[in-house]
Amino acid sequence: MRLVFAGTPEVAVPSLEALLESRHEVVAVVTRPDAASGRGRRVSVSPVAQRAAEAGVEVLKPEKASDPAFLDRLRELAPDCCPVVAYGALLRQSALDIPRHGWVNLHFSLLPAWRGAAPVQHAVLHGDDVTGAMTFQIEPDLDSGPVFGAVTEPIGPRDTSGDLLDRLSRSGAGLLVRTLDGIERGELTARPQSPDGVSYAPKLTSQDARVDFEAPAMRVDRLIRACTPAPGAWSTFRGTRIKLGPVVPVLDAPALPPGRLSADKKRVLVGTATHPVELGEVQPQGKRLMSAVDWARGVRPGADERLGGE
């Protein structure tokens, strides 16, 4: 089939790679416009745009997927199907109607659970044991279309959302190719999603990622892993922001008041509403990422100092 692939971030690149190596023909790629990023606010192309350019594939970067010029070019390309992975823009019916097999999305959850922009982060945050990826036919409503296929993935007790997304991006890429193969052969029929068990996964903001040490250790642990690597969990120390890497709940340590620090040569503990957690890596504002032990050796927290204090 002739395909126009839509995707933007690094997590979409394995699917593009798999499609480029498949029996199908990727005639163009649709991605978000170039954007400023990083400390220097340098304008950069998306990972998908970069890989497509390396492969000699036409790259389309409409401001909106409803732009008339983009829709005209899409009609000229005459795709049989448009596979989508984390494109990041709303698709109107005017675009959905163009390919004869529609737009097929690879979504990183077991629908109807965790519809929305951050399904993996919410699965980790809420303590799910299993997640997965599904391919489905895109409809105007959010992630509600009928499903073609699925793969499952266990969530380990130390998995971050980054770990999980990396695995799902690779297993999902294979699922997407198999789905398109089945559509081309006429062997796949999409089945409606269950009306039960619907949940939503809105994007986690930087404010969502602020760690509340008044919460139980399990909640602190899940929040930090869910926000790693993005948007990045954080707290404050001596009035400045400090980024926090994954922590480890410590069941056999003496209790500490929420946020209270206890540091020695081997580890740094922080109190929560239940038992303490051991800090892993930290990044003070304007400084490099370092081990919590190295950080504590430099700042020498006092007996009454805590994370989260202003």
C-alpha atoms as a PDB file:
ATOM      1  CA  MET A   1       0.000   0.000   0.000  1.00  0.00           C
ATOM      2  CA  ARG A   2       0.958   3.619  -0.483  1.00  0.00           C
ATOM      3  CA  LEU A   3       1.395   5.162   2.955  1.00  0.00           C
ATOM      4  CA  VAL A   4       1.693   8.656   4.375  1.00  0.00           C
ATOM      5  CA  PHE A   5       3.104   8.301   7.881  1.00  0.00           C
ATOM      6  CA  ALA A   6       2.251  10.849  10.584  1.00  0.00           C
ATOM      7  CA  GLY A   7       4.441  11.145  13.673  1.00  0.00           C
ATOM      8  CA  THR A   8       6.712  13.542  15.515  1.00  0.00           C
ATOM      9  CA  PRO A   9       8.799  12.416  18.549  1.00  0.00           C
ATOM     10  CA  GLU A  10      11.516   9.812  18.968  1.00  0.00           C
ATOM     11  CA  VAL A  11       8.972   7.199  20.099  1.00  0.00           C
ATOM     12  CA  ALA A  12       7.488   7.253  16.572  1.00  0.00           C
ATOM     13  CA  VAL A  13      10.792   6.562  14.806  1.00  0.00           C
ATOM     14  CA  PRO A  14      10.799   2.746  15.280  1.00  0.00           C
ATOM     15  CA  SER A  15       7.421   2.580  13.513  1.00  0.00           C
ATOM     16  CA  LEU A  16       8.693   4.689  10.629  1.00  0.00           C
ATOM     17  CA  GLU A  17      11.786   2.470  10.401  1.00  0.00           C
ATOM     18  CA  ALA A  18       9.629  -0.669  10.336  1.00  0.00           C
ATOM     19  CA  LEU A  19       7.388   0.742   7.604  1.00  0.00           C
ATOM     20  CA  LEU A  20      10.366   1.788   5.493  1.00  0.00           C
ATOM     21  CA  GLU A  21      11.605  -1.811   5.690  1.00  0.00           C
ATOM     22  CA  SER A  22       8.182  -3.333   5.009  1.00  0.00           C
ATOM     23  CA  ARG A  23       6.454  -4.311   1.774  1.00  0.00           C
ATOM     24  CA  HIS A  24       4.581  -0.992   1.829  1.00  0.00           C
ATOM     25  CA  GLU A  25       5.700   2.263   0.209  1.00  0.00           C
ATOM     26  CA  VAL A  26       6.076   5.322   2.445  1.00  0.00           C
ATOM     27  CA  VAL A  27       5.502   8.167  -0.012  1.00  0.00           C
ATOM     28  CA  ALA A  28       5.589  11.014   2.534  1.00  0.00           C
ATOM     29  CA  VAL A  29       5.755  11.828   6.227  1.00  0.00           C
ATOM     30  CA  VAL A  30       3.620  14.338   8.130  1.00  0.00           C
ATOM     31  CA  THR A  31       5.132  15.849  11.270  1.00  0.00           C
ATOM     32  CA  ARG A  32       4.833  18.890  13.497  1.00  0.00           C
ATOM     33  CA  PRO A  33       6.545  22.108  12.357  1.00  0.00           C
ATOM     34  CA  ASP A  34      10.117  22.811  13.473  1.00  0.00           C
ATOM     35  CA  ALA A  35      10.201  24.155  17.023  1.00  0.00           C
ATOM     36  CA  ALA A  36      12.614  25.858  19.405  1.00  0.00           C
ATOM     37  CA  SER A  37      13.846  23.619  22.208  1.00  0.00           C
ATOM     38  CA  GLY A  38      16.579  23.322  24.802  1.00  0.00           C
ATOM     39  CA  ARG A  39      18.310  25.931  26.901  1.00  0.00           C
ATOM     40  CA  GLY A  40      19.480  27.875  23.843  1.00  0.00           C
ATOM     41  CA  ARG A  41      16.012  27.742  22.219  1.00  0.00           C
ATOM     42  CA  ARG A  42      17.530  26.459  18.993  1.00  0.00           C
ATOM     43  CA  VAL A  43      15.078  25.571  16.248  1.00  0.00           C
ATOM     44  CA  SER A  44      15.210  21.857  15.479  1.00  0.00           C
ATOM     45  CA  VAL A  45      13.350  19.405  13.298  1.00  0.00           C
ATOM     46  CA  SER A  46      11.407  16.517  14.813  1.00  0.00           C
ATOM     47  CA  PRO A  47      13.085  13.089  15.089  1.00  0.00           C
ATOM     48  CA  VAL A  48      10.593  11.729  12.538  1.00  0.00           C
ATOM     49  CA  ALA A  49      11.365  14.544  10.075  1.00  0.00           C
ATOM     50  CA  GLN A  50      15.082  13.900  10.462  1.00  0.00           C
ATOM     51  CA  ARG A  51      14.750  10.154   9.793  1.00  0.00           C
ATOM     52  CA  ALA A  52      12.452  10.724   6.820  1.00  0.00           C
ATOM     53  CA  ALA A  53      14.909  13.194   5.286  1.00  0.00           C
ATOM     54  CA  GLU A  54      17.722  10.656   5.697  1.00  0.00           C
ATOM     55  CA  ALA A  55      15.573   8.125   3.837  1.00  0.00           C
ATOM     56  CA  GLY A  56      14.784  10.585   1.044  1.00  0.00           C
ATOM     57  CA  VAL A  57      11.071  10.706   1.911  1.00  0.00           C
ATOM     58  CA  GLU A  58       9.049  13.884   1.388  1.00  0.00           C
ATOM     59  CA  VAL A  59       8.305  15.677   4.681  1.00  0.00           C
ATOM     60  CA  LEU A  60       5.140  17.734   5.211  1.00  0.00           C
ATOM     61  CA  LYS A  61       4.939  20.134   8.171  1.00  0.00           C
ATOM     62  CA  PRO A  62       1.509  21.782   8.185  1.00  0.00           C
ATOM     63  CA  GLU A  63       0.657  24.193  10.991  1.00  0.00           C
ATOM     64  CA  LYS A  64      -2.715  22.448  11.094  1.00  0.00           C
ATOM     65  CA  ALA A  65      -3.793  19.195   9.476  1.00  0.00           C
ATOM     66  CA  SER A  66      -6.786  21.100   8.107  1.00  0.00           C
ATOM     67  CA  ASP A  67      -4.657  23.547   6.071  1.00  0.00           C
ATOM     68  CA  PRO A  68      -5.993  23.552   2.478  1.00  0.00           C
ATOM     69  CA  ALA A  69      -2.514  23.340   0.944  1.00  0.00           C
ATOM     70  CA  PHE A  70      -1.711  20.266   3.029  1.00  0.00           C
ATOM     71  CA  LEU A  71      -5.014  18.580   2.158  1.00  0.00           C
ATOM     72  CA  ASP A  72      -4.404  19.261  -1.539  1.00  0.00           C
ATOM     73  CA  ARG A  73      -0.942  17.682  -1.346  1.00  0.00           C
ATOM     74  CA  LEU A  74      -2.332  14.700   0.546  1.00  0.00           C
ATOM     75  CA  ARG A  75      -4.889  14.132  -2.214  1.00  0.00           C
ATOM     76  CA  GLU A  76      -2.106  14.341  -4.819  1.00  0.00           C
ATOM     77  CA  LEU A  77      -0.116  11.702  -2.949  1.00  0.00           C
ATOM     78  CA  ALA A  78      -3.201   9.431  -2.978  1.00  0.00           C
ATOM     79  CA  PRO A  79      -2.289   7.264   0.026  1.00  0.00           C
ATOM     80  CA  ASP A  80      -4.116   4.003   0.590  1.00  0.00           C
ATOM     81  CA  CYS A  81      -3.695   4.444   4.347  1.00  0.00           C
ATOM     82  CA  CYS A  82      -2.138   6.892   6.807  1.00  0.00           C
ATOM     83  CA  PRO A  83      -0.518   5.229   9.847  1.00  0.00           C
ATOM     84  CA  VAL A  84      -0.097   7.518  12.860  1.00  0.00           C
ATOM     85  CA  VAL A  85       2.192   7.358  15.900  1.00  0.00           C
ATOM     86  CA  ALA A  86       2.274  10.287  18.343  1.00  0.00           C
ATOM     87  CA  TYR A  87       1.688  12.906  15.660  1.00  0.00           C
ATOM     88  CA  GLY A  88       0.488  15.492  18.182  1.00  0.00           C
ATOM     89  CA  ALA A  89      -2.158  17.390  16.204  1.00  0.00           C
ATOM     90  CA  LEU A  90      -5.905  17.102  15.735  1.00  0.00           C
ATOM     91  CA  LEU A  91      -7.080  15.385  12.559  1.00  0.00           C
ATOM     92  CA  ARG A  92     -10.302  16.768  11.090  1.00  0.00           C
ATOM     93  CA  GLN A  93     -12.755  14.781   9.008  1.00  0.00           C
ATOM     94  CA  SER A  94     -11.506  16.546   5.865  1.00  0.00           C
ATOM     95  CA  ALA A  95      -8.161  14.791   6.327  1.00  0.00           C
ATOM     96  CA  LEU A  96      -9.593  11.503   7.628  1.00  0.00           C
ATOM     97  CA  ASP A  97     -11.654  11.033   4.455  1.00  0.00           C
ATOM     98  CA  ILE A  98      -8.716  11.147   2.009  1.00  0.00           C
ATOM     99  CA  PRO A  99      -7.029   7.700   2.303  1.00  0.00           C
ATOM    100  CA  ARG A 100      -9.332   4.862   1.265  1.00  0.00           C
ATOM    101  CA  HIS A 101      -8.378   2.802   4.336  1.00  0.00           C
ATOM    102  CA  GLY A 102      -8.433   5.812   6.643  1.00  0.00           C
ATOM    103  CA  TRP A 103      -5.909   6.707   9.316  1.00  0.00           C
ATOM    104  CA  VAL A 104      -4.654   3.917  11.595  1.00  0.00           C
ATOM    105  CA  ASN A 105      -3.254   4.985  14.951  1.00  0.00           C
ATOM    106  CA  LEU A 106      -0.768   3.135  17.151  1.00  0.00           C
ATOM    107  CA  HIS A 107      -1.667   4.067  20.723  1.00  0.00           C
ATOM    108  CA  PHE A 108       0.361   3.048  23.761  1.00  0.00           C
ATOM    109  CA  SER A 109      -2.333   1.658  26.051  1.00  0.00           C
ATOM    110  CA  LEU A 110      -4.896  -1.132  26.176  1.00  0.00           C
ATOM    111  CA  LEU A 111      -7.937   0.827  25.085  1.00  0.00           C
ATOM    112  CA  PRO A 112     -10.390   1.968  26.289  1.00  0.00           C
ATOM    113  CA  ALA A 113      -8.015   2.566  29.210  1.00  0.00           C
ATOM    114  CA  TRP A 114      -5.901   5.714  29.090  1.00  0.00           C
ATOM    115  CA  ARG A 115      -7.177   7.546  26.068  1.00  0.00           C
ATOM    116  CA  GLY A 116      -5.239  10.737  25.509  1.00  0.00           C
ATOM    117  CA  ALA A 117      -1.776  12.240  25.283  1.00  0.00           C
ATOM    118  CA  ALA A 118       0.073  10.490  28.142  1.00  0.00           C
ATOM    119  CA  PRO A 119      -1.146   6.887  28.442  1.00  0.00           C
ATOM    120  CA  VAL A 120       2.157   5.373  29.558  1.00  0.00           C
ATOM    121  CA  GLN A 121       2.768   8.020  32.218  1.00  0.00           C
ATOM    122  CA  HIS A 122      -0.689   7.474  33.682  1.00  0.00           C
ATOM    123  CA  ALA A 123      -0.310   3.689  33.640  1.00  0.00           C
ATOM    124  CA  VAL A 124       2.867   4.015  35.739  1.00  0.00           C
ATOM    125  CA  LEU A 125       1.376   6.727  37.967  1.00  0.00           C
ATOM    126  CA  HIS A 126      -1.682   4.639  38.799  1.00  0.00           C
ATOM    127  CA  GLY A 127       0.233   1.425  39.459  1.00  0.00           C
ATOM    128  CA  ASP A 128      -1.006  -0.675  36.539  1.00  0.00           C
ATOM    129  CA  ASP A 129       0.617  -4.104  36.296  1.00  0.00           C
ATOM    130  CA  VAL A 130       0.164  -4.479  32.541  1.00  0.00           C
ATOM    131  CA  THR A 131      -0.141  -2.097  29.624  1.00  0.00           C
ATOM    132  CA  GLY A 132       0.333  -2.467  25.893  1.00  0.00           C
ATOM    133  CA  ALA A 133      -0.219  -0.927  22.492  1.00  0.00           C
ATOM    134  CA  MET A 134      -3.184  -1.028  20.141  1.00  0.00           C
ATOM    135  CA  THR A 135      -3.861  -0.135  16.543  1.00  0.00           C
ATOM    136  CA  PHE A 136      -7.223   1.437  15.819  1.00  0.00           C
ATOM    137  CA  GLN A 137      -9.120   3.346  13.146  1.00  0.00           C
ATOM    138  CA  ILE A 138      -9.055   7.061  13.906  1.00  0.00           C
ATOM    139  CA  GLU A 139     -12.423   8.756  14.354  1.00  0.00           C
ATOM    140  CA  PRO A 140     -13.137  12.392  15.307  1.00  0.00           C
ATOM    141  CA  ASP A 141     -13.624  11.501  19.007  1.00  0.00           C
ATOM    142  CA  LEU A 142     -10.510  11.057  21.151  1.00  0.00           C
ATOM    143  CA  ASP A 143      -8.960   7.573  20.763  1.00  0.00           C
ATOM    144  CA  SER A 144     -12.402   5.988  20.476  1.00  0.00           C
ATOM    145  CA  GLY A 145     -12.171   4.213  17.118  1.00  0.00           C
ATOM    146  CA  PRO A 146     -12.523   0.476  16.506  1.00  0.00           C
ATOM    147  CA  VAL A 147      -9.471  -1.656  17.277  1.00  0.00           C
ATOM    148  CA  PHE A 148      -7.469  -3.837  14.858  1.00  0.00           C
ATOM    149  CA  GLY A 149      -4.892  -5.467  17.121  1.00  0.00           C
ATOM    150  CA  ALA A 150      -2.932  -5.315  20.370  1.00  0.00           C
ATOM    151  CA  VAL A 151       0.285  -6.282  22.103  1.00  0.00           C
ATOM    152  CA  THR A 152       0.736  -6.388  25.881  1.00  0.00           C
ATOM    153  CA  GLU A 153       3.666  -5.377  28.055  1.00  0.00           C
ATOM    154  CA  PRO A 154       4.174  -5.956  31.800  1.00  0.00           C
ATOM    155  CA  ILE A 155       5.095  -2.939  33.912  1.00  0.00           C
ATOM    156  CA  GLY A 156       8.024  -3.708  36.178  1.00  0.00           C
ATOM    157  CA  PRO A 157       8.265  -2.283  39.710  1.00  0.00           C
ATOM    158  CA  ARG A 158      11.170  -0.011  38.712  1.00  0.00           C
ATOM    159  CA  ASP A 159      10.021   0.904  35.193  1.00  0.00           C
ATOM    160  CA  THR A 160       9.954   4.574  34.296  1.00  0.00           C
ATOM    161  CA  SER A 161       7.645   5.864  31.602  1.00  0.00           C
ATOM    162  CA  GLY A 162      10.741   6.209  29.408  1.00  0.00           C
ATOM    163  CA  ASP A 163      11.660   2.542  29.870  1.00  0.00           C
ATOM    164  CA  LEU A 164       8.136   1.451  29.063  1.00  0.00           C
ATOM    165  CA  LEU A 165       7.756   3.696  26.037  1.00  0.00           C
ATOM    166  CA  ASP A 166      11.025   2.403  24.616  1.00  0.00           C
ATOM    167  CA  ARG A 167       9.798  -1.185  24.769  1.00  0.00           C
ATOM    168  CA  LEU A 168       6.315  -0.330  23.481  1.00  0.00           C
ATOM    169  CA  SER A 169       7.682   1.715  20.601  1.00  0.00           C
ATOM    170  CA  ARG A 170       9.497  -1.373  19.315  1.00  0.00           C
ATOM    171  CA  SER A 171       6.786  -3.970  19.910  1.00  0.00           C
ATOM    172  CA  GLY A 172       4.180  -1.496  18.650  1.00  0.00           C
ATOM    173  CA  ALA A 173       6.105  -0.960  15.431  1.00  0.00           C
ATOM    174  CA  GLY A 174       5.745  -4.640  14.599  1.00  0.00           C
ATOM    175  CA  LEU A 175       2.052  -4.514  15.453  1.00  0.00           C
ATOM    176  CA  LEU A 176       1.542  -1.547  13.140  1.00  0.00           C
ATOM    177  CA  VAL A 177       3.168  -3.330  10.193  1.00  0.00           C
ATOM    178  CA  ARG A 178       1.125  -6.483  10.833  1.00  0.00           C
ATOM    179  CA  THR A 179      -2.039  -4.379  11.011  1.00  0.00           C
ATOM    180  CA  LEU A 180      -1.354  -2.726   7.661  1.00  0.00           C
ATOM    181  CA  ASP A 181      -0.507  -6.096   6.111  1.00  0.00           C
ATOM    182  CA  GLY A 182      -3.848  -7.454   7.329  1.00  0.00           C
ATOM    183  CA  ILE A 183      -5.764  -4.444   6.034  1.00  0.00           C
ATOM    184  CA  GLU A 184      -4.147  -4.772   2.619  1.00  0.00           C
ATOM    185  CA  ARG A 185      -5.056  -8.457   2.427  1.00  0.00           C
ATOM    186  CA  GLY A 186      -8.595  -7.798   3.625  1.00  0.00           C
ATOM    187  CA  GLU A 187      -8.101 -10.119   6.599  1.00  0.00           C
ATOM    188  CA  LEU A 188      -8.591  -7.602   9.422  1.00  0.00           C
ATOM    189  CA  THR A 189     -11.867  -6.189  10.655  1.00  0.00           C
ATOM    190  CA  ALA A 190     -11.750  -3.550  13.351  1.00  0.00           C
ATOM    191  CA  ARG A 191     -13.877  -4.276  16.427  1.00  0.00           C
ATOM    192  CA  PRO A 192     -15.566  -1.579  18.525  1.00  0.00           C
ATOM    193  CA  GLN A 193     -13.997  -0.639  21.848  1.00  0.00           C
ATOM    194  CA  SER A 194     -15.783  -1.658  25.010  1.00  0.00           C
ATOM    195  CA  PRO A 195     -17.933   1.097  26.518  1.00  0.00           C
ATOM    196  CA  ASP A 196     -16.711  -0.019  29.964  1.00  0.00           C
ATOM    197  CA  GLY A 197     -13.390   0.836  31.571  1.00  0.00           C
ATOM    198  CA  VAL A 198     -12.846   4.136  29.761  1.00  0.00           C
ATOM    199  CA  SER A 199     -10.185   6.339  31.379  1.00  0.00           C
ATOM    200  CA  TYR A 200      -8.294   9.393  30.216  1.00  0.00           C
ATOM    201  CA  ALA A 201      -4.627  10.334  30.272  1.00  0.00           C
ATOM    202  CA  PRO A 202      -4.134  14.082  29.842  1.00  0.00           C
ATOM    203  CA  LYS A 203      -0.627  15.437  29.385  1.00  0.00           C
ATOM    204  CA  LEU A 204       1.303  15.777  32.651  1.00  0.00           C
ATOM    205  CA  THR A 205       2.508  19.322  33.225  1.00  0.00           C
ATOM    206  CA  SER A 206       5.530  20.536  35.124  1.00  0.00           C
ATOM    207  CA  GLN A 207       3.258  21.438  38.024  1.00  0.00           C
ATOM    208  CA  ASP A 208       1.851  17.892  38.042  1.00  0.00           C
ATOM    209  CA  ALA A 209       5.442  16.657  38.386  1.00  0.00           C
ATOM    210  CA  ARG A 210       6.105  18.457  41.677  1.00  0.00           C
ATOM    211  CA  VAL A 211       6.664  15.796  44.334  1.00  0.00           C
ATOM    212  CA  ASP A 212       4.532  16.001  47.471  1.00  0.00           C
ATOM    213  CA  PHE A 213       6.395  14.227  50.258  1.00  0.00           C
ATOM    214  CA  GLU A 214       3.256  14.387  52.396  1.00  0.00           C
ATOM    215  CA  ALA A 215       2.040  11.535  50.156  1.00  0.00           C
ATOM    216  CA  PRO A 216       2.795   7.857  50.858  1.00  0.00           C
ATOM    217  CA  ALA A 217       6.109   6.445  49.631  1.00  0.00           C
ATOM    218  CA  MET A 218       4.346   4.368  46.968  1.00  0.00           C
ATOM    219  CA  ARG A 219       2.734   7.492  45.490  1.00  0.00           C
ATOM    220  CA  VAL A 220       6.046   9.385  45.541  1.00  0.00           C
ATOM    221  CA  ASP A 221       7.787   6.483  43.799  1.00  0.00           C
ATOM    222  CA  ARG A 222       5.117   6.165  41.103  1.00  0.00           C
ATOM    223  CA  LEU A 223       4.953   9.884  40.406  1.00  0.00           C
ATOM    224  CA  ILE A 224       8.689  10.197  39.913  1.00  0.00           C
ATOM    225  CA  ARG A 225       8.880   7.139  37.652  1.00  0.00           C
ATOM    226  CA  ALA A 226       5.865   8.365  35.664  1.00  0.00           C
ATOM    227  CA  CYS A 227       7.517  11.762  35.118  1.00  0.00           C
ATOM    228  CA  THR A 228      10.887  10.287  34.064  1.00  0.00           C
ATOM    229  CA  PRO A 229      12.173  11.486  31.669  1.00  0.00           C
ATOM    230  CA  ALA A 230       9.392  14.001  30.958  1.00  0.00           C
ATOM    231  CA  PRO A 231       8.210  16.374  32.269  1.00  0.00           C
ATOM    232  CA  GLY A 232      10.757  15.601  35.014  1.00  0.00           C
ATOM    233  CA  ALA A 233       9.869  15.208  38.702  1.00  0.00           C
ATOM    234  CA  TRP A 234      11.071  17.955  40.997  1.00  0.00           C
ATOM    235  CA  SER A 235      10.969  19.477  44.423  1.00  0.00           C
ATOM    236  CA  THR A 236      12.672  22.420  46.125  1.00  0.00           C
ATOM    237  CA  PHE A 237      15.621  22.726  48.484  1.00  0.00           C
ATOM    238  CA  ARG A 238      16.616  25.972  50.130  1.00  0.00           C
ATOM    239  CA  GLY A 239      14.166  27.793  47.894  1.00  0.00           C
ATOM    240  CA  THR A 240      15.492  26.540  44.542  1.00  0.00           C
ATOM    241  CA  ARG A 241      14.246  23.777  42.286  1.00  0.00           C
ATOM    242  CA  ILE A 242      15.907  20.388  42.243  1.00  0.00           C
ATOM    243  CA  LYS A 243      15.108  17.686  39.678  1.00  0.00           C
ATOM    244  CA  LEU A 244      14.644  14.189  41.069  1.00  0.00           C
ATOM    245  CA  GLY A 245      15.403  10.877  39.400  1.00  0.00           C
ATOM    246  CA  PRO A 246      13.690   7.619  40.399  1.00  0.00           C
ATOM    247  CA  VAL A 247      13.702   6.745  44.100  1.00  0.00           C
ATOM    248  CA  VAL A 248      13.536   3.430  45.968  1.00  0.00           C
ATOM    249  CA  PRO A 249      11.119   2.933  48.880  1.00  0.00           C
ATOM    250  CA  VAL A 250      13.008   1.725  51.967  1.00  0.00           C
ATOM    251  CA  LEU A 251      10.776  -0.416  54.160  1.00  0.00           C
ATOM    252  CA  ASP A 252      13.260  -1.147  56.945  1.00  0.00           C
ATOM    253  CA  ALA A 253      14.479   2.403  57.672  1.00  0.00           C
ATOM    254  CA  PRO A 254      13.286   4.466  60.653  1.00  0.00           C
ATOM    255  CA  ALA A 255      10.444   6.834  59.833  1.00  0.00           C
ATOM    256  CA  LEU A 256      11.251  10.437  58.909  1.00  0.00           C
ATOM    257  CA  PRO A 257       8.913  13.439  58.819  1.00  0.00           C
ATOM    258  CA  PRO A 258       7.681  14.152  55.259  1.00  0.00           C
ATOM    259  CA  GLY A 259      10.446  15.766  53.212  1.00  0.00           C
ATOM    260  CA  ARG A 260      13.059  15.467  55.975  1.00  0.00           C
ATOM    261  CA  LEU A 261      16.521  14.511  54.692  1.00  0.00           C
ATOM    262  CA  SER A 262      18.833  11.939  56.263  1.00  0.00           C
ATOM    263  CA  ALA A 263      22.219  11.568  54.541  1.00  0.00           C
ATOM    264  CA  ASP A 264      25.265   9.432  55.164  1.00  0.00           C
ATOM    265  CA  LYS A 265      28.192   8.276  53.035  1.00  0.00           C
ATOM    266  CA  LYS A 266      26.146   5.537  51.321  1.00  0.00           C
ATOM    267  CA  ARG A 267      22.649   6.913  50.768  1.00  0.00           C
ATOM    268  CA  VAL A 268      20.261   9.841  51.110  1.00  0.00           C
ATOM    269  CA  LEU A 269      16.789   9.189  52.516  1.00  0.00           C
ATOM    270  CA  VAL A 270      13.734  11.439  52.368  1.00  0.00           C
ATOM    271  CA  GLY A 271      10.709  11.084  54.602  1.00  0.00           C
ATOM    272  CA  THR A 272       7.189  10.559  53.278  1.00  0.00           C
ATOM    273  CA  ALA A 273       3.793   9.984  54.864  1.00  0.00           C
ATOM    274  CA  THR A 274       4.753   6.316  55.313  1.00  0.00           C
ATOM    275  CA  HIS A 275       8.317   4.992  55.091  1.00  0.00           C
ATOM    276  CA  PRO A 276      11.321   6.869  53.624  1.00  0.00           C
ATOM    277  CA  VAL A 277      12.523   6.714  50.028  1.00  0.00           C
ATOM    278  CA  GLU A 278      16.142   6.617  48.909  1.00  0.00           C
ATOM    279  CA  LEU A 279      17.097   9.308  46.410  1.00  0.00           C
ATOM    280  CA  GLY A 280      18.859   8.193  43.245  1.00  0.00           C
ATOM    281  CA  GLU A 281      20.113  10.949  40.956  1.00  0.00           C
ATOM    282  CA  VAL A 282      19.354  14.627  41.434  1.00  0.00           C
ATOM    283  CA  GLN A 283      19.963  17.749  39.381  1.00  0.00           C
ATOM    284  CA  PRO A 284      20.086  21.088  41.181  1.00  0.00           C
ATOM    285  CA  GLN A 285      18.947  24.086  39.163  1.00  0.00           C
ATOM    286  CA  GLY A 286      21.657  25.168  36.727  1.00  0.00           C
ATOM    287  CA  LYS A 287      23.926  22.211  37.521  1.00  0.00           C
ATOM    288  CA  ARG A 288      24.701  18.758  36.172  1.00  0.00           C
ATOM    289  CA  LEU A 289      22.965  15.520  37.032  1.00  0.00           C
ATOM    290  CA  MET A 290      24.689  13.802  39.969  1.00  0.00           C
ATOM    291  CA  SER A 291      24.180  11.082  42.547  1.00  0.00           C
ATOM    292  CA  ALA A 292      22.210  12.078  45.616  1.00  0.00           C
ATOM    293  CA  VAL A 293      25.205  11.155  47.801  1.00  0.00           C
ATOM    294  CA  ASP A 294      27.475  13.565  45.888  1.00  0.00           C
ATOM    295  CA  TRP A 295      24.818  16.268  46.078  1.00  0.00           C
ATOM    296  CA  ALA A 296      24.357  15.845  49.833  1.00  0.00           C
ATOM    297  CA  ARG A 297      28.120  15.864  50.363  1.00  0.00           C
ATOM    298  CA  GLY A 298      28.220  19.290  48.731  1.00  0.00           C
ATOM    299  CA  VAL A 299      25.178  20.941  50.322  1.00  0.00           C
ATOM    300  CA  ARG A 300      25.456  19.253  53.768  1.00  0.00           C
ATOM    301  CA  PRO A 301      21.757  19.341  54.686  1.00  0.00           C
ATOM    302  CA  GLY A 302      21.068  20.269  58.279  1.00  0.00           C
ATOM    303  CA  ALA A 303      19.196  18.058  60.714  1.00  0.00           C
ATOM    304  CA  ASP A 304      15.933  19.909  60.184  1.00  0.00           C
ATOM    305  CA  GLU A 305      16.213  20.614  56.445  1.00  0.00           C
ATOM    306  CA  ARG A 306      13.834  19.013  54.007  1.00  0.00           C
ATOM    307  CA  LEU A 307      12.851  18.757  50.384  1.00  0.00           C
ATOM    308  CA  GLY A 308       9.744  20.720  49.510  1.00  0.00           C
ATOM    309  CA  GLY A 309      10.456  23.520  51.923  1.00  0.00           C
ATOM    310  CA  GLU A 310      10.364  27.069  50.617  1.00  0.00           C
END
